[in-house]
N, C-alpha and C. Protein backbone atom coordinates (compact mmCIF):
# COMPACT_ATOMS: atom_id res chain seq x y z
N UNK A 1 15.37 15.40 -29.32
CA UNK A 1 16.12 16.19 -28.38
C UNK A 1 17.61 16.05 -28.69
N UNK A 2 18.27 17.16 -28.87
CA UNK A 2 19.69 17.16 -29.20
C UNK A 2 20.50 17.33 -27.92
N UNK A 3 21.44 16.42 -27.71
CA UNK A 3 22.25 16.43 -26.49
C UNK A 3 23.68 16.79 -26.88
N UNK A 4 24.30 17.67 -26.11
CA UNK A 4 25.67 18.07 -26.41
C UNK A 4 26.62 16.89 -26.21
N UNK A 5 27.73 16.88 -26.93
CA UNK A 5 28.71 15.79 -26.79
C UNK A 5 29.27 15.70 -25.36
N UNK A 6 29.46 16.85 -24.72
CA UNK A 6 30.00 16.85 -23.36
C UNK A 6 29.03 16.15 -22.40
N UNK A 7 27.72 16.43 -22.59
CA UNK A 7 26.72 15.83 -21.72
C UNK A 7 26.63 14.31 -21.97
N UNK A 8 26.78 13.92 -23.24
CA UNK A 8 26.76 12.50 -23.57
C UNK A 8 27.92 11.77 -22.90
N UNK A 9 29.09 12.37 -22.95
CA UNK A 9 30.27 11.79 -22.29
C UNK A 9 30.03 11.70 -20.79
N UNK A 10 29.44 12.77 -20.23
CA UNK A 10 29.14 12.77 -18.81
C UNK A 10 28.21 11.62 -18.44
N UNK A 11 27.17 11.40 -19.26
CA UNK A 11 26.23 10.31 -18.99
C UNK A 11 26.91 8.94 -19.10
N UNK A 12 27.76 8.79 -20.11
CA UNK A 12 28.49 7.53 -20.26
C UNK A 12 29.41 7.26 -19.07
N UNK A 13 30.13 8.30 -18.63
CA UNK A 13 31.03 8.14 -17.48
C UNK A 13 30.24 7.82 -16.21
N UNK A 14 29.10 8.49 -16.05
CA UNK A 14 28.27 8.24 -14.87
C UNK A 14 27.76 6.80 -14.86
N UNK A 15 27.34 6.33 -16.03
CA UNK A 15 26.85 4.95 -16.16
C UNK A 15 27.98 3.97 -15.86
N UNK A 16 29.17 4.23 -16.41
CA UNK A 16 30.31 3.35 -16.16
C UNK A 16 30.69 3.35 -14.69
N UNK A 17 30.62 4.52 -14.05
CA UNK A 17 30.93 4.64 -12.63
C UNK A 17 29.96 3.79 -11.80
N UNK A 18 28.68 3.82 -12.15
CA UNK A 18 27.68 3.02 -11.43
C UNK A 18 27.94 1.53 -11.62
N UNK A 19 28.29 1.13 -12.84
CA UNK A 19 28.60 -0.28 -13.11
C UNK A 19 29.83 -0.69 -12.32
N UNK A 20 30.89 0.14 -12.33
CA UNK A 20 32.11 -0.17 -11.59
C UNK A 20 31.83 -0.29 -10.11
N UNK A 21 31.00 0.61 -9.57
CA UNK A 21 30.66 0.55 -8.15
C UNK A 21 29.90 -0.72 -7.81
N UNK A 22 28.97 -1.10 -8.68
CA UNK A 22 28.21 -2.33 -8.45
C UNK A 22 29.13 -3.54 -8.46
N UNK A 23 30.07 -3.57 -9.40
CA UNK A 23 31.03 -4.67 -9.46
C UNK A 23 31.90 -4.72 -8.21
N UNK A 24 32.32 -3.54 -7.75
CA UNK A 24 33.14 -3.47 -6.54
C UNK A 24 32.36 -3.96 -5.33
N UNK A 25 31.13 -3.53 -5.19
CA UNK A 25 30.29 -3.96 -4.07
C UNK A 25 30.07 -5.48 -4.14
N UNK A 26 29.79 -6.01 -5.33
CA UNK A 26 29.61 -7.46 -5.48
C UNK A 26 30.87 -8.20 -5.07
N UNK A 27 32.02 -7.70 -5.53
CA UNK A 27 33.30 -8.33 -5.21
C UNK A 27 33.54 -8.33 -3.70
N UNK A 28 33.32 -7.18 -3.05
CA UNK A 28 33.55 -7.08 -1.61
C UNK A 28 32.58 -7.97 -0.83
N UNK A 29 31.36 -8.07 -1.27
CA UNK A 29 30.38 -8.94 -0.60
C UNK A 29 30.79 -10.40 -0.73
N UNK A 30 31.22 -10.80 -1.93
CA UNK A 30 31.66 -12.18 -2.13
C UNK A 30 32.90 -12.48 -1.30
N UNK A 31 33.83 -11.52 -1.26
CA UNK A 31 35.06 -11.71 -0.49
C UNK A 31 34.73 -11.82 1.00
N UNK A 32 33.85 -10.96 1.49
CA UNK A 32 33.45 -11.00 2.89
C UNK A 32 32.76 -12.32 3.21
N UNK A 33 31.91 -12.80 2.30
CA UNK A 33 31.23 -14.08 2.50
C UNK A 33 32.24 -15.22 2.55
N UNK A 34 33.24 -15.16 1.69
CA UNK A 34 34.27 -16.20 1.65
C UNK A 34 35.07 -16.21 2.95
N UNK A 35 35.39 -15.02 3.48
CA UNK A 35 36.12 -14.92 4.74
C UNK A 35 35.27 -15.47 5.88
N UNK A 36 33.98 -15.15 5.87
CA UNK A 36 33.09 -15.67 6.91
C UNK A 36 33.02 -17.19 6.86
N UNK A 37 32.99 -17.77 5.66
CA UNK A 37 32.97 -19.22 5.51
C UNK A 37 34.27 -19.83 6.05
N UNK A 38 35.40 -19.18 5.77
CA UNK A 38 36.68 -19.66 6.26
C UNK A 38 36.71 -19.61 7.78
N UNK A 39 36.22 -18.52 8.37
CA UNK A 39 36.19 -18.41 9.82
C UNK A 39 35.29 -19.49 10.43
N UNK A 40 34.18 -19.82 9.77
CA UNK A 40 33.31 -20.90 10.26
C UNK A 40 34.05 -22.22 10.26
N UNK A 41 34.78 -22.49 9.16
CA UNK A 41 35.54 -23.74 9.07
C UNK A 41 36.59 -23.82 10.17
N UNK A 42 37.25 -22.70 10.45
CA UNK A 42 38.29 -22.69 11.48
C UNK A 42 37.68 -22.80 12.88
N UNK A 43 36.52 -22.21 13.07
CA UNK A 43 35.88 -22.21 14.39
C UNK A 43 35.52 -23.62 14.84
N UNK A 44 35.23 -24.50 13.88
CA UNK A 44 34.88 -25.89 14.18
C UNK A 44 35.98 -26.56 15.01
N UNK A 45 37.21 -26.20 14.77
CA UNK A 45 38.33 -26.84 15.46
C UNK A 45 38.48 -26.35 16.90
N UNK A 46 37.86 -25.23 17.22
CA UNK A 46 37.91 -24.71 18.60
C UNK A 46 39.34 -24.53 19.07
N UNK A 47 39.64 -25.14 20.20
CA UNK A 47 40.96 -24.99 20.80
C UNK A 47 41.96 -26.05 20.37
N UNK A 48 41.58 -26.91 19.44
CA UNK A 48 42.47 -28.00 19.00
C UNK A 48 43.48 -27.45 18.00
N UNK A 49 44.76 -27.76 18.19
CA UNK A 49 45.78 -27.29 17.23
C UNK A 49 45.57 -27.92 15.85
N UNK A 50 45.92 -27.17 14.82
CA UNK A 50 45.79 -27.62 13.43
C UNK A 50 47.17 -27.87 12.84
N UNK A 51 47.28 -28.95 12.10
CA UNK A 51 48.53 -29.20 11.39
C UNK A 51 48.50 -28.45 10.06
N UNK A 52 49.67 -28.34 9.48
CA UNK A 52 49.79 -27.66 8.19
C UNK A 52 48.95 -28.37 7.13
N UNK A 53 48.97 -29.70 7.14
CA UNK A 53 48.21 -30.45 6.12
C UNK A 53 46.71 -30.26 6.31
N UNK A 54 46.24 -30.12 7.54
CA UNK A 54 44.83 -29.85 7.78
C UNK A 54 44.45 -28.49 7.19
N UNK A 55 45.30 -27.51 7.43
CA UNK A 55 45.04 -26.17 6.88
C UNK A 55 45.05 -26.20 5.35
N UNK A 56 45.95 -26.96 4.77
CA UNK A 56 45.99 -27.06 3.30
C UNK A 56 44.69 -27.65 2.76
N UNK A 57 44.12 -28.62 3.47
CA UNK A 57 42.86 -29.20 3.00
C UNK A 57 41.70 -28.21 3.16
N UNK A 58 41.73 -27.39 4.21
CA UNK A 58 40.70 -26.37 4.40
C UNK A 58 40.81 -25.29 3.34
N UNK A 59 42.05 -24.93 2.99
CA UNK A 59 42.30 -23.84 2.05
C UNK A 59 42.50 -24.33 0.62
N UNK A 60 42.01 -25.51 0.32
CA UNK A 60 42.20 -26.10 -1.00
C UNK A 60 41.65 -25.28 -2.14
N UNK A 61 40.69 -24.39 -1.87
CA UNK A 61 40.09 -23.57 -2.91
C UNK A 61 41.02 -22.46 -3.38
N UNK A 62 42.03 -22.16 -2.60
CA UNK A 62 42.97 -21.08 -2.94
C UNK A 62 44.03 -21.60 -3.90
N UNK A 63 44.52 -20.68 -4.76
CA UNK A 63 45.59 -21.04 -5.67
C UNK A 63 46.89 -21.29 -4.92
N UNK A 64 47.13 -20.47 -3.88
CA UNK A 64 48.36 -20.64 -3.09
C UNK A 64 47.99 -20.64 -1.60
N UNK A 65 47.60 -21.82 -1.10
CA UNK A 65 47.17 -21.91 0.29
C UNK A 65 48.27 -21.54 1.29
N UNK A 66 49.53 -21.80 0.94
CA UNK A 66 50.62 -21.43 1.85
C UNK A 66 50.70 -19.92 2.05
N UNK A 67 50.48 -19.17 0.99
CA UNK A 67 50.45 -17.71 1.11
C UNK A 67 49.27 -17.26 1.97
N UNK A 68 48.15 -17.95 1.84
CA UNK A 68 46.98 -17.61 2.65
C UNK A 68 47.25 -17.89 4.13
N UNK A 69 47.95 -18.96 4.43
CA UNK A 69 48.32 -19.27 5.82
C UNK A 69 49.18 -18.15 6.37
N UNK A 70 50.15 -17.68 5.59
CA UNK A 70 51.01 -16.58 6.02
C UNK A 70 50.17 -15.33 6.30
N UNK A 71 49.19 -15.04 5.42
CA UNK A 71 48.31 -13.87 5.63
C UNK A 71 47.43 -14.03 6.86
N UNK A 72 46.93 -15.25 7.09
CA UNK A 72 46.11 -15.49 8.28
C UNK A 72 46.92 -15.29 9.56
N UNK A 73 48.18 -15.69 9.53
CA UNK A 73 49.06 -15.46 10.68
C UNK A 73 49.30 -13.97 10.85
N UNK A 74 49.59 -13.28 9.76
CA UNK A 74 49.84 -11.84 9.82
C UNK A 74 48.61 -11.07 10.32
N UNK A 75 47.41 -11.55 9.95
CA UNK A 75 46.17 -10.90 10.39
C UNK A 75 45.79 -11.29 11.81
N UNK A 76 46.49 -12.25 12.38
CA UNK A 76 46.22 -12.67 13.76
C UNK A 76 45.10 -13.69 13.88
N UNK A 77 44.66 -14.27 12.76
CA UNK A 77 43.60 -15.27 12.82
C UNK A 77 44.13 -16.66 13.11
N UNK A 78 45.40 -16.88 12.77
CA UNK A 78 46.09 -18.12 13.12
C UNK A 78 47.31 -17.78 13.96
N UNK A 79 47.58 -18.62 14.94
CA UNK A 79 48.75 -18.42 15.79
C UNK A 79 49.69 -19.59 15.61
N UNK A 80 50.93 -19.34 15.19
CA UNK A 80 51.87 -20.45 15.03
C UNK A 80 52.33 -20.95 16.40
N UNK A 81 52.26 -22.26 16.61
CA UNK A 81 52.72 -22.85 17.86
C UNK A 81 54.17 -23.29 17.68
N UNK A 82 54.38 -24.10 16.66
CA UNK A 82 55.72 -24.49 16.23
C UNK A 82 55.60 -24.84 14.76
N UNK A 83 56.71 -25.20 14.14
CA UNK A 83 56.68 -25.45 12.70
C UNK A 83 55.64 -26.50 12.34
N UNK A 84 54.69 -26.10 11.47
CA UNK A 84 53.67 -27.01 10.99
C UNK A 84 52.48 -27.19 11.93
N UNK A 85 52.41 -26.42 13.02
CA UNK A 85 51.32 -26.55 13.97
C UNK A 85 50.79 -25.16 14.33
N UNK A 86 49.49 -25.00 14.24
CA UNK A 86 48.86 -23.68 14.41
C UNK A 86 47.66 -23.78 15.34
N UNK A 87 47.34 -22.65 15.97
CA UNK A 87 46.12 -22.54 16.77
C UNK A 87 45.24 -21.47 16.13
N UNK A 88 43.94 -21.69 16.22
CA UNK A 88 42.99 -20.70 15.72
C UNK A 88 42.88 -19.60 16.78
N UNK A 89 42.85 -18.38 16.34
CA UNK A 89 42.81 -17.22 17.23
C UNK A 89 41.60 -17.25 18.16
N UNK A 90 41.77 -16.79 19.40
CA UNK A 90 40.63 -16.68 20.31
C UNK A 90 39.54 -15.75 19.76
N UNK A 91 39.92 -14.86 18.87
CA UNK A 91 38.96 -13.95 18.22
C UNK A 91 37.91 -14.75 17.45
N UNK A 92 38.31 -15.88 16.89
CA UNK A 92 37.40 -16.73 16.11
C UNK A 92 36.73 -17.77 16.99
N UNK A 93 37.53 -18.45 17.83
CA UNK A 93 36.99 -19.57 18.62
C UNK A 93 36.21 -19.13 19.85
N UNK A 94 36.59 -18.00 20.40
CA UNK A 94 35.97 -17.57 21.65
C UNK A 94 36.59 -18.26 22.86
N UNK A 95 37.63 -19.07 22.64
CA UNK A 95 38.31 -19.77 23.73
C UNK A 95 39.62 -19.04 24.02
N UNK A 96 39.77 -18.47 25.23
CA UNK A 96 41.01 -17.77 25.55
C UNK A 96 42.21 -18.72 25.51
N UNK A 97 43.36 -18.18 25.21
CA UNK A 97 44.55 -19.01 25.11
C UNK A 97 44.88 -19.71 26.43
N UNK A 98 44.65 -19.06 27.55
CA UNK A 98 45.02 -19.66 28.82
C UNK A 98 44.13 -20.87 29.17
N UNK A 99 43.06 -21.09 28.43
CA UNK A 99 42.17 -22.23 28.67
C UNK A 99 42.49 -23.43 27.76
N UNK A 100 43.48 -23.32 26.96
CA UNK A 100 43.80 -24.39 26.02
C UNK A 100 44.78 -25.36 26.68
N UNK A 101 44.36 -26.59 26.79
CA UNK A 101 45.11 -27.59 27.54
C UNK A 101 46.49 -27.88 26.96
N UNK A 102 46.62 -27.84 25.65
CA UNK A 102 47.88 -28.20 25.03
C UNK A 102 48.96 -27.16 25.22
N UNK A 103 48.61 -25.95 25.62
CA UNK A 103 49.63 -24.94 25.90
C UNK A 103 50.33 -25.23 27.23
N UNK A 104 49.66 -25.97 28.10
CA UNK A 104 50.21 -26.27 29.42
C UNK A 104 51.26 -27.38 29.33
N UNK A 105 51.07 -28.31 28.38
CA UNK A 105 51.97 -29.46 28.28
C UNK A 105 53.37 -29.11 27.91
């Protein structure tokens, strides 16, 4: 069976598109899984404030954990209390801010 060059190119592009899509889906699934693992680690702390060094140990797998802390704050997953002290968002812990004892002190 003789196939035209245009059709061959079309098949190659279609195959490459499927491979690229599979890679993208794999990447997004792994990234989502990693985020879920991070949220689990943060949820363990509940309403207890976290120090910067604690966060660095949790985020040790990242190349630049300080940048990740900044992104977590920007995304609303971490709330800065004061320099070097953070609270995990009620979105993750399920504990409303008004129920946290250390905010009263």
